[in-house]
PDB file of N, CA and C in Angstrom:
ATOM      1  N   MET A   1     131.885 150.855 131.324  1.00  0.00           N
ATOM      2  CA  MET A   1     133.367 150.710 131.803  1.00  0.00           C
ATOM      3  C   MET A   1     133.058 150.169 133.621  1.00  0.00           C
ATOM      4  N   SER A   2     133.271 149.068 133.632  1.00  0.00           N
ATOM      5  CA  SER A   2     133.107 148.872 135.212  1.00  0.00           C
ATOM      6  C   SER A   2     134.291 149.669 136.137  1.00  0.00           C
ATOM      7  N   HIS A   3     134.210 149.226 137.193  1.00  0.00           N
ATOM      8  CA  HIS A   3     134.893 149.841 138.665  1.00  0.00           C
ATOM      9  C   HIS A   3     136.070 148.848 138.526  1.00  0.00           C
ATOM     10  N   GLN A   4     136.178 147.515 138.190  1.00  0.00           N
ATOM     11  CA  GLN A   4     137.536 146.487 138.297  1.00  0.00           C
ATOM     12  C   GLN A   4     138.131 146.752 136.867  1.00  0.00           C
ATOM     13  N   LEU A   5     137.153 147.401 135.827  1.00  0.00           N
ATOM     14  CA  LEU A   5     138.262 148.070 134.741  1.00  0.00           C
ATOM     15  C   LEU A   5     139.233 148.959 135.372  1.00  0.00           C
ATOM     16  N   VAL A   6     138.365 149.904 136.075  1.00  0.00           N
ATOM     17  CA  VAL A   6     139.022 151.242 136.089  1.00  0.00           C
ATOM     18  C   VAL A   6     140.005 150.822 137.306  1.00  0.00           C
ATOM     19  N   ILE A   7     140.133 149.932 138.175  1.00  0.00           N
ATOM     20  CA  ILE A   7     141.115 149.943 139.215  1.00  0.00           C
ATOM     21  C   ILE A   7     142.116 149.354 138.414  1.00  0.00           C
ATOM     22  N   ASP A   8     141.926 148.349 137.517  1.00  0.00           N
ATOM     23  CA  ASP A   8     143.219 147.939 136.967  1.00  0.00           C
ATOM     24  C   ASP A   8     143.705 148.640 135.890  1.00  0.00           C
ATOM     25  N   LEU A   9     143.188 149.617 135.007  1.00  0.00           N
ATOM     26  CA  LEU A   9     143.720 150.619 134.546  1.00  0.00           C
ATOM     27  C   LEU A   9     144.984 151.534 135.442  1.00  0.00           C
ATOM     28  N   THR A  10     144.037 152.015 136.546  1.00  0.00           N
ATOM     29  CA  THR A  10     144.474 152.891 137.403  1.00  0.00           C
ATOM     30  C   THR A  10     146.086 152.186 137.593  1.00  0.00           C
ATOM     31  N   ARG A  11     145.962 150.729 138.544  1.00  0.00           N
ATOM     32  CA  ARG A  11     146.898 150.060 139.232  1.00  0.00           C
ATOM     33  C   ARG A  11     147.872 150.332 137.832  1.00  0.00           C
ATOM     34  N   ASP A  12     147.742 149.704 136.694  1.00  0.00           N
ATOM     35  CA  ASP A  12     148.863 149.574 135.727  1.00  0.00           C
ATOM     36  C   ASP A  12     149.511 150.936 135.389  1.00  0.00           C
ATOM     37  N   ALA A  13     148.550 151.829 135.438  1.00  0.00           N
ATOM     38  CA  ALA A  13     149.256 153.230 135.131  1.00  0.00           C
ATOM     39  C   ALA A  13     150.712 153.546 135.949  1.00  0.00           C
ATOM     40  N   ILE A  14     150.315 153.307 137.539  1.00  0.00           N
ATOM     41  CA  ILE A  14     150.708 153.978 138.694  1.00  0.00           C
ATOM     42  C   ILE A  14     152.094 152.928 138.770  1.00  0.00           C
ATOM     43  N   MET A  15     151.614 151.676 138.580  1.00  0.00           N
ATOM     44  CA  MET A  15     153.107 150.764 138.558  1.00  0.00           C
ATOM     45  C   MET A  15     154.067 150.954 137.203  1.00  0.00           C
ATOM     46  N   THR A  16     153.491 151.402 136.064  1.00  0.00           N
ATOM     47  CA  THR A  16     154.068 151.752 134.811  1.00  0.00           C
ATOM     48  C   THR A  16     155.482 152.905 135.332  1.00  0.00           C
ATOM     49  N   ALA A  17     154.304 153.788 136.089  1.00  0.00           N
ATOM     50  CA  ALA A  17     155.109 155.327 136.019  1.00  0.00           C
ATOM     51  C   ALA A  17     156.381 154.865 137.136  1.00  0.00           C
ATOM     52  N   LEU A  18     156.003 154.001 138.101  1.00  0.00           N
ATOM     53  CA  LEU A  18     156.867 153.533 139.581  1.00  0.00           C
ATOM     54  C   LEU A  18     157.962 153.010 138.694  1.00  0.00           C
ATOM     55  N   MET A  19     157.928 151.899 137.932  1.00  0.00           N
ATOM     56  CA  MET A  19     159.079 151.306 137.166  1.00  0.00           C
ATOM     57  C   MET A  19     159.850 152.103 136.334  1.00  0.00           C
ATOM     58  N   LEU A  20     159.257 153.219 135.468  1.00  0.00           N
ATOM     59  CA  LEU A  20     159.838 154.055 134.726  1.00  0.00           C
ATOM     60  C   LEU A  20     160.753 154.894 135.594  1.00  0.00           C
ATOM     61  N   SER A  21     160.321 155.667 136.603  1.00  0.00           N
ATOM     62  CA  SER A  21     161.120 156.349 137.718  1.00  0.00           C
ATOM     63  C   SER A  21     161.835 155.705 138.769  1.00  0.00           C
ATOM     64  N   ALA A  22     161.620 154.594 139.331  1.00  0.00           N
ATOM     65  CA  ALA A  22     162.420 154.089 140.004  1.00  0.00           C
ATOM     66  C   ALA A  22     163.979 154.145 139.697  1.00  0.00           C
ATOM     67  N   PRO A  23     164.318 153.848 139.111  1.00  0.00           N
ATOM     68  CA  PRO A  23     165.731 153.529 138.654  1.00  0.00           C
ATOM     69  C   PRO A  23     166.369 154.869 138.658  1.00  0.00           C
ATOM     70  N   MET A  24     166.036 155.971 138.215  1.00  0.00           N
ATOM     71  CA  MET A  24     166.432 157.504 138.546  1.00  0.00           C
ATOM     72  C   MET A  24     166.739 157.877 139.878  1.00  0.00           C
ATOM     73  N   LEU A  25     165.495 157.364 140.390  1.00  0.00           N
ATOM     74  CA  LEU A  25     165.005 158.065 141.986  1.00  0.00           C
ATOM     75  C   LEU A  25     166.319 157.188 142.666  1.00  0.00           C
ATOM     76  N   LEU A  26     166.746 156.034 142.557  1.00  0.00           N
ATOM     77  CA  LEU A  26     167.568 155.159 143.370  1.00  0.00           C
ATOM     78  C   LEU A  26     168.997 155.580 143.036  1.00  0.00           C
ATOM     79  N   ILE A  27     169.089 155.905 141.875  1.00  0.00           N
ATOM     80  CA  ILE A  27     170.699 156.752 141.859  1.00  0.00           C
ATOM     81  C   ILE A  27     170.812 157.646 142.602  1.00  0.00           C
ATOM     82  N   ALA A  28     169.872 158.437 141.965  1.00  0.00           N
ATOM     83  CA  ALA A  28     169.714 159.820 142.902  1.00  0.00           C
ATOM     84  C   ALA A  28     169.821 159.882 144.120  1.00  0.00           C
ATOM     85  N   LEU A  29     169.238 158.919 144.877  1.00  0.00           N
ATOM     86  CA  LEU A  29     169.360 159.155 145.974  1.00  0.00           C
ATOM     87  C   LEU A  29     170.730 158.466 146.821  1.00  0.00           C
ATOM     88  N   GLY A  30     171.188 157.214 145.762  1.00  0.00           N
ATOM     89  CA  GLY A  30     172.662 156.798 146.046  1.00  0.00           C
ATOM     90  C   GLY A  30     173.785 157.496 146.100  1.00  0.00           C
ATOM     91  N   VAL A  31     173.798 158.406 145.165  1.00  0.00           N
ATOM     92  CA  VAL A  31     174.505 159.902 144.706  1.00  0.00           C
ATOM     93  C   VAL A  31     174.515 160.734 145.583  1.00  0.00           C
ATOM     94  N   GLY A  32     173.145 161.076 146.243  1.00  0.00           N
ATOM     95  CA  GLY A  32     173.396 162.021 147.113  1.00  0.00           C
ATOM     96  C   GLY A  32     173.511 161.758 148.119  1.00  0.00           C
ATOM     97  N   LEU A  33     173.679 160.521 148.893  1.00  0.00           N
ATOM     98  CA  LEU A  33     173.850 159.641 150.177  1.00  0.00           C
ATOM     99  C   LEU A  33     175.774 160.041 150.084  1.00  0.00           C
ATOM    100  N   ILE A  34     176.035 159.546 149.144  1.00  0.00           N
ATOM    101  CA  ILE A  34     177.740 159.407 148.645  1.00  0.00           C
ATOM    102  C   ILE A  34     177.958 160.953 149.086  1.00  0.00           C
ATOM    103  N   VAL A  35     177.429 161.643 148.304  1.00  0.00           N
ATOM    104  CA  VAL A  35     177.991 163.302 148.505  1.00  0.00           C
ATOM    105  C   VAL A  35     177.697 163.575 149.748  1.00  0.00           C
ATOM    106  N   SER A  36     176.913 163.248 150.389  1.00  0.00           N
ATOM    107  CA  SER A  36     176.444 163.849 151.742  1.00  0.00           C
ATOM    108  C   SER A  36     177.583 163.273 152.708  1.00  0.00           C
ATOM    109  N   ILE A  37     177.795 162.132 152.571  1.00  0.00           N
ATOM    110  CA  ILE A  37     178.764 161.595 153.559  1.00  0.00           C
ATOM    111  C   ILE A  37     180.051 161.977 153.061  1.00  0.00           C
ATOM    112  N   PHE A  38     180.408 162.392 151.907  1.00  0.00           N
ATOM    113  CA  PHE A  38     181.541 163.182 151.568  1.00  0.00           C
ATOM    114  C   PHE A  38     181.577 164.566 152.130  1.00  0.00           C
ATOM    115  N   GLN A  39     180.760 165.205 151.846  1.00  0.00           N
ATOM    116  CA  GLN A  39     180.677 166.433 152.827  1.00  0.00           C
ATOM    117  C   GLN A  39     180.445 167.076 154.169  1.00  0.00           C
ATOM    118  N   SER A  40     180.385 165.922 154.415  1.00  0.00           N
ATOM    119  CA  SER A  40     180.641 165.612 156.220  1.00  0.00           C
ATOM    120  C   SER A  40     181.959 165.279 156.543  1.00  0.00           C
ATOM    121  N   VAL A  41     182.322 164.389 156.005  1.00  0.00           N
ATOM    122  CA  VAL A  41     183.842 164.297 156.258  1.00  0.00           C
ATOM    123  C   VAL A  41     184.926 165.506 156.032  1.00  0.00           C
ATOM    124  N   THR A  42     184.499 165.855 154.701  1.00  0.00           N
ATOM    125  CA  THR A  42     185.564 167.445 154.394  1.00  0.00           C
ATOM    126  C   THR A  42     185.207 168.227 155.212  1.00  0.00           C
ATOM    127  N   GLN A  43     183.536 168.053 155.584  1.00  0.00           N
ATOM    128  CA  GLN A  43     183.034 169.811 155.856  1.00  0.00           C
ATOM    129  C   GLN A  43     183.050 170.755 154.848  1.00  0.00           C
ATOM    130  N   ILE A  44     183.135 170.412 153.546  1.00  0.00           N
ATOM    131  CA  ILE A  44     182.794 171.417 152.449  1.00  0.00           C
ATOM    132  C   ILE A  44     181.268 171.369 152.520  1.00  0.00           C
ATOM    133  N   GLN A  45     180.693 172.523 152.302  1.00  0.00           N
ATOM    134  CA  GLN A  45     179.201 172.857 152.471  1.00  0.00           C
ATOM    135  C   GLN A  45     178.690 173.401 151.299  1.00  0.00           C
ATOM    136  N   GLU A  46     178.994 172.948 150.148  1.00  0.00           N
ATOM    137  CA  GLU A  46     178.707 173.808 148.852  1.00  0.00           C
ATOM    138  C   GLU A  46     177.606 172.732 148.507  1.00  0.00           C
ATOM    139  N   GLN A  47     176.301 173.902 148.148  1.00  0.00           N
ATOM    140  CA  GLN A  47     175.145 172.975 147.686  1.00  0.00           C
ATOM    141  C   GLN A  47     175.319 172.554 146.019  1.00  0.00           C
ATOM    142  N   THR A  48     176.215 173.181 145.269  1.00  0.00           N
ATOM    143  CA  THR A  48     176.286 172.884 143.524  1.00  0.00           C
ATOM    144  C   THR A  48     177.132 171.355 143.971  1.00  0.00           C
ATOM    145  N   LEU A  49     177.854 171.094 144.955  1.00  0.00           N
ATOM    146  CA  LEU A  49     178.833 170.266 144.929  1.00  0.00           C
ATOM    147  C   LEU A  49     177.540 168.501 144.842  1.00  0.00           C
ATOM    148  N   SER A  50     176.422 168.693 145.487  1.00  0.00           N
ATOM    149  CA  SER A  50     175.330 167.709 145.419  1.00  0.00           C
ATOM    150  C   SER A  50     174.443 167.646 144.365  1.00  0.00           C
ATOM    151  N   PHE A  51     174.330 168.762 143.859  1.00  0.00           N
ATOM    152  CA  PHE A  51     173.427 168.727 142.554  1.00  0.00           C
ATOM    153  C   PHE A  51     174.248 167.928 140.925  1.00  0.00           C
ATOM    154  N   VAL A  52     175.202 168.593 140.735  1.00  0.00           N
ATOM    155  CA  VAL A  52     176.308 167.982 139.838  1.00  0.00           C
ATOM    156  C   VAL A  52     176.591 166.825 139.124  1.00  0.00           C
ATOM    157  N   PRO A  53     176.804 166.158 140.528  1.00  0.00           N
ATOM    158  CA  PRO A  53     177.105 164.811 140.291  1.00  0.00           C
ATOM    159  C   PRO A  53     175.711 163.639 140.206  1.00  0.00           C
ATOM    160  N   LYS A  54     175.028 164.650 140.970  1.00  0.00           N
ATOM    161  CA  LYS A  54     173.140 163.909 140.529  1.00  0.00           C
ATOM    162  C   LYS A  54     172.742 164.065 139.197  1.00  0.00           C
ATOM    163  N   LEU A  55     173.347 164.900 138.602  1.00  0.00           N
ATOM    164  CA  LEU A  55     172.541 165.393 137.119  1.00  0.00           C
ATOM    165  C   LEU A  55     173.473 164.475 136.283  1.00  0.00           C
ATOM    166  N   VAL A  56     174.709 164.253 136.481  1.00  0.00           N
ATOM    167  CA  VAL A  56     175.392 163.797 135.484  1.00  0.00           C
ATOM    168  C   VAL A  56     174.957 162.192 135.679  1.00  0.00           C
ATOM    169  N   PHE A  57     174.687 161.555 137.139  1.00  0.00           N
ATOM    170  CA  PHE A  57     174.743 160.120 137.159  1.00  0.00           C
ATOM    171  C   PHE A  57     173.128 160.146 136.663  1.00  0.00           C
ATOM    172  N   VAL A  58     172.213 160.448 137.051  1.00  0.00           N
ATOM    173  CA  VAL A  58     170.644 160.419 136.358  1.00  0.00           C
ATOM    174  C   VAL A  58     170.707 160.780 135.014  1.00  0.00           C
ATOM    175  N   GLY A  59     171.316 161.465 134.541  1.00  0.00           N
ATOM    176  CA  GLY A  59     171.450 161.874 132.838  1.00  0.00           C
ATOM    177  C   GLY A  59     171.943 160.453 132.192  1.00  0.00           C
ATOM    178  N   GLY A  60     173.403 160.036 132.961  1.00  0.00           N
ATOM    179  CA  GLY A  60     173.673 158.499 132.565  1.00  0.00           C
ATOM    180  C   GLY A  60     172.912 157.430 132.610  1.00  0.00           C
ATOM    181  N   ALA A  61     172.113 157.142 133.652  1.00  0.00           N
ATOM    182  CA  ALA A  61     171.174 156.494 133.625  1.00  0.00           C
ATOM    183  C   ALA A  61     169.839 156.509 132.577  1.00  0.00           C
ATOM    184  N   ILE A  62     169.628 157.627 132.532  1.00  0.00           N
ATOM    185  CA  ILE A  62     168.503 157.343 131.309  1.00  0.00           C
ATOM    186  C   ILE A  62     169.072 157.147 130.104  1.00  0.00           C
ATOM    187  N   VAL A  63     170.360 157.702 129.592  1.00  0.00           N
ATOM    188  CA  VAL A  63     170.681 157.380 128.366  1.00  0.00           C
ATOM    189  C   VAL A  63     170.948 155.380 127.962  1.00  0.00           C
ATOM    190  N   VAL A  64     171.674 155.231 129.186  1.00  0.00           N
ATOM    191  CA  VAL A  64     171.575 153.747 129.398  1.00  0.00           C
ATOM    192  C   VAL A  64     170.563 152.763 129.528  1.00  0.00           C
ATOM    193  N   GLY A  65     169.540 153.417 129.970  1.00  0.00           N
ATOM    194  CA  GLY A  65     168.090 152.742 130.358  1.00  0.00           C
ATOM    195  C   GLY A  65     167.399 153.029 129.420  1.00  0.00           C
ATOM    196  N   MET A  66     167.329 153.898 128.120  1.00  0.00           N
ATOM    197  CA  MET A  66     166.624 154.330 127.279  1.00  0.00           C
ATOM    198  C   MET A  66     165.807 153.109 126.826  1.00  0.00           C
ATOM    199  N   PRO A  67     166.320 152.291 126.145  1.00  0.00           N
ATOM    200  CA  PRO A  67     165.846 151.154 125.678  1.00  0.00           C
ATOM    201  C   PRO A  67     164.668 150.418 126.374  1.00  0.00           C
ATOM    202  N   TRP A  68     165.253 149.948 127.787  1.00  0.00           N
ATOM    203  CA  TRP A  68     164.348 149.330 128.461  1.00  0.00           C
ATOM    204  C   TRP A  68     163.134 150.092 128.704  1.00  0.00           C
ATOM    205  N   LEU A  69     163.471 151.545 128.946  1.00  0.00           N
ATOM    206  CA  LEU A  69     162.314 152.549 129.197  1.00  0.00           C
ATOM    207  C   LEU A  69     161.418 152.530 128.374  1.00  0.00           C
ATOM    208  N   MET A  70     161.716 152.745 127.282  1.00  0.00           N
ATOM    209  CA  MET A  70     160.981 152.793 125.756  1.00  0.00           C
ATOM    210  C   MET A  70     160.680 151.467 125.395  1.00  0.00           C
ATOM    211  N   GLN A  71     160.889 150.424 125.684  1.00  0.00           N
ATOM    212  CA  GLN A  71     160.107 149.234 125.811  1.00  0.00           C
ATOM    213  C   GLN A  71     159.088 148.976 126.453  1.00  0.00           C
ATOM    214  N   LEU A  72     159.337 149.581 128.182  1.00  0.00           N
ATOM    215  CA  LEU A  72     157.943 149.192 129.147  1.00  0.00           C
ATOM    216  C   LEU A  72     157.030 150.429 128.578  1.00  0.00           C
ATOM    217  N   LEU A  73     157.275 151.176 128.087  1.00  0.00           N
ATOM    218  CA  LEU A  73     156.326 152.399 127.565  1.00  0.00           C
ATOM    219  C   LEU A  73     155.251 151.732 126.361  1.00  0.00           C
ATOM    220  N   ILE A  74     156.416 151.238 125.430  1.00  0.00           N
ATOM    221  CA  ILE A  74     155.475 150.690 124.001  1.00  0.00           C
ATOM    222  C   ILE A  74     154.607 149.320 124.834  1.00  0.00           C
ATOM    223  N   LYS A  75     155.269 148.569 125.800  1.00  0.00           N
ATOM    224  CA  LYS A  75     154.245 147.465 126.160  1.00  0.00           C
ATOM    225  C   LYS A  75     153.096 148.135 126.492  1.00  0.00           C
ATOM    226  N   TYR A  76     153.142 149.043 127.510  1.00  0.00           N
ATOM    227  CA  TYR A  76     152.048 149.531 128.438  1.00  0.00           C
ATOM    228  C   TYR A  76     151.033 150.129 127.268  1.00  0.00           C
ATOM    229  N   THR A  77     151.760 151.203 126.361  1.00  0.00           N
ATOM    230  CA  THR A  77     150.503 151.939 125.259  1.00  0.00           C
ATOM    231  C   THR A  77     149.679 150.505 124.305  1.00  0.00           C
ATOM    232  N   THR A  78     150.763 149.324 124.184  1.00  0.00           N
ATOM    233  CA  THR A  78     150.012 148.672 123.224  1.00  0.00           C
ATOM    234  C   THR A  78     148.852 147.883 124.105  1.00  0.00           C
ATOM    235  N   GLN A  79     149.349 147.686 125.174  1.00  0.00           N
ATOM    236  CA  GLN A  79     148.215 146.828 125.967  1.00  0.00           C
ATOM    237  C   GLN A  79     146.982 147.778 126.110  1.00  0.00           C
ATOM    238  N   LEU A  80     147.297 149.133 126.583  1.00  0.00           N
ATOM    239  CA  LEU A  80     146.229 150.299 126.861  1.00  0.00           C
ATOM    240  C   LEU A  80     145.385 150.305 125.288  1.00  0.00           C
ATOM    241  N   ILE A  81     146.074 150.057 124.079  1.00  0.00           N
ATOM    242  CA  ILE A  81     145.136 150.286 123.108  1.00  0.00           C
ATOM    243  C   ILE A  81     144.657 149.080 122.692  1.00  0.00           C
ATOM    244  N   ARG A  82     145.004 147.929 122.714  1.00  0.00           N
ATOM    245  CA  ARG A  82     144.305 146.792 122.587  1.00  0.00           C
ATOM    246  C   ARG A  82     143.008 146.647 123.523  1.00  0.00           C
ATOM    247  N   GLY A  83     143.131 147.240 124.524  1.00  0.00           N
ATOM    248  CA  GLY A  83     141.834 147.114 125.690  1.00  0.00           C
ATOM    249  C   GLY A  83     140.977 148.108 125.281  1.00  0.00           C
ATOM    250  N   ILE A  84     141.005 148.699 124.694  1.00  0.00           N
ATOM    251  CA  ILE A  84     139.972 149.817 124.122  1.00  0.00           C
ATOM    252  C   ILE A  84     138.364 149.201 123.948  1.00  0.00           C
ATOM    253  N   PRO A  85     138.478 148.039 123.008  1.00  0.00           N
ATOM    254  CA  PRO A  85     137.290 147.374 122.681  1.00  0.00           C
ATOM    255  C   PRO A  85     136.578 146.979 123.988  1.00  0.00           C
ATOM    256  N   ALA A  86     137.585 146.726 124.913  1.00  0.00           N
ATOM    257  CA  ALA A  86     136.859 146.117 126.466  1.00  0.00           C
ATOM    258  C   ALA A  86     136.391 147.346 127.298  1.00  0.00           C
ATOM    259  N   MET A  87     136.879 148.598 126.909  1.00  0.00           N
ATOM    260  CA  MET A  87     136.332 149.903 127.821  1.00  0.00           C
ATOM    261  C   MET A  87     135.242 149.895 127.299  1.00  0.00           C
ATOM    262  N   ILE A  88     134.939 149.857 125.728  1.00  0.00           N
ATOM    263  CA  ILE A  88     133.724 150.764 125.394  1.00  0.00           C
ATOM    264  C   ILE A  88     132.295 149.573 125.653  1.00  0.00           C
ATOM    265  N   ALA A  89     132.656 148.036 125.830  1.00  0.00           N
ATOM    266  CA  ALA A  89     131.642 147.340 125.637  1.00  0.00           C
ATOM    267  C   ALA A  89     131.117 147.124 127.057  1.00  0.00           C
TER     268      ALA A  89
END
């Protein structure tokens, strides 16, 4: 196993993890920002007020994006399994 192959495998794994997590993280960031602005304007300082909308929106994003997420994971896993002979040689 060459150094370049290890670097490529690591890069692909990190990129796949970023592609899987980025939509949910961005939605949580956006909802958190909107809720924070709402809390600042109304001066309501309730901690659960920011948690529940994030949970709902991120859960919805997971449900809506599940086909794409699974397709990405299957593509990565298939590519990894097909590359096993190159790793051994």
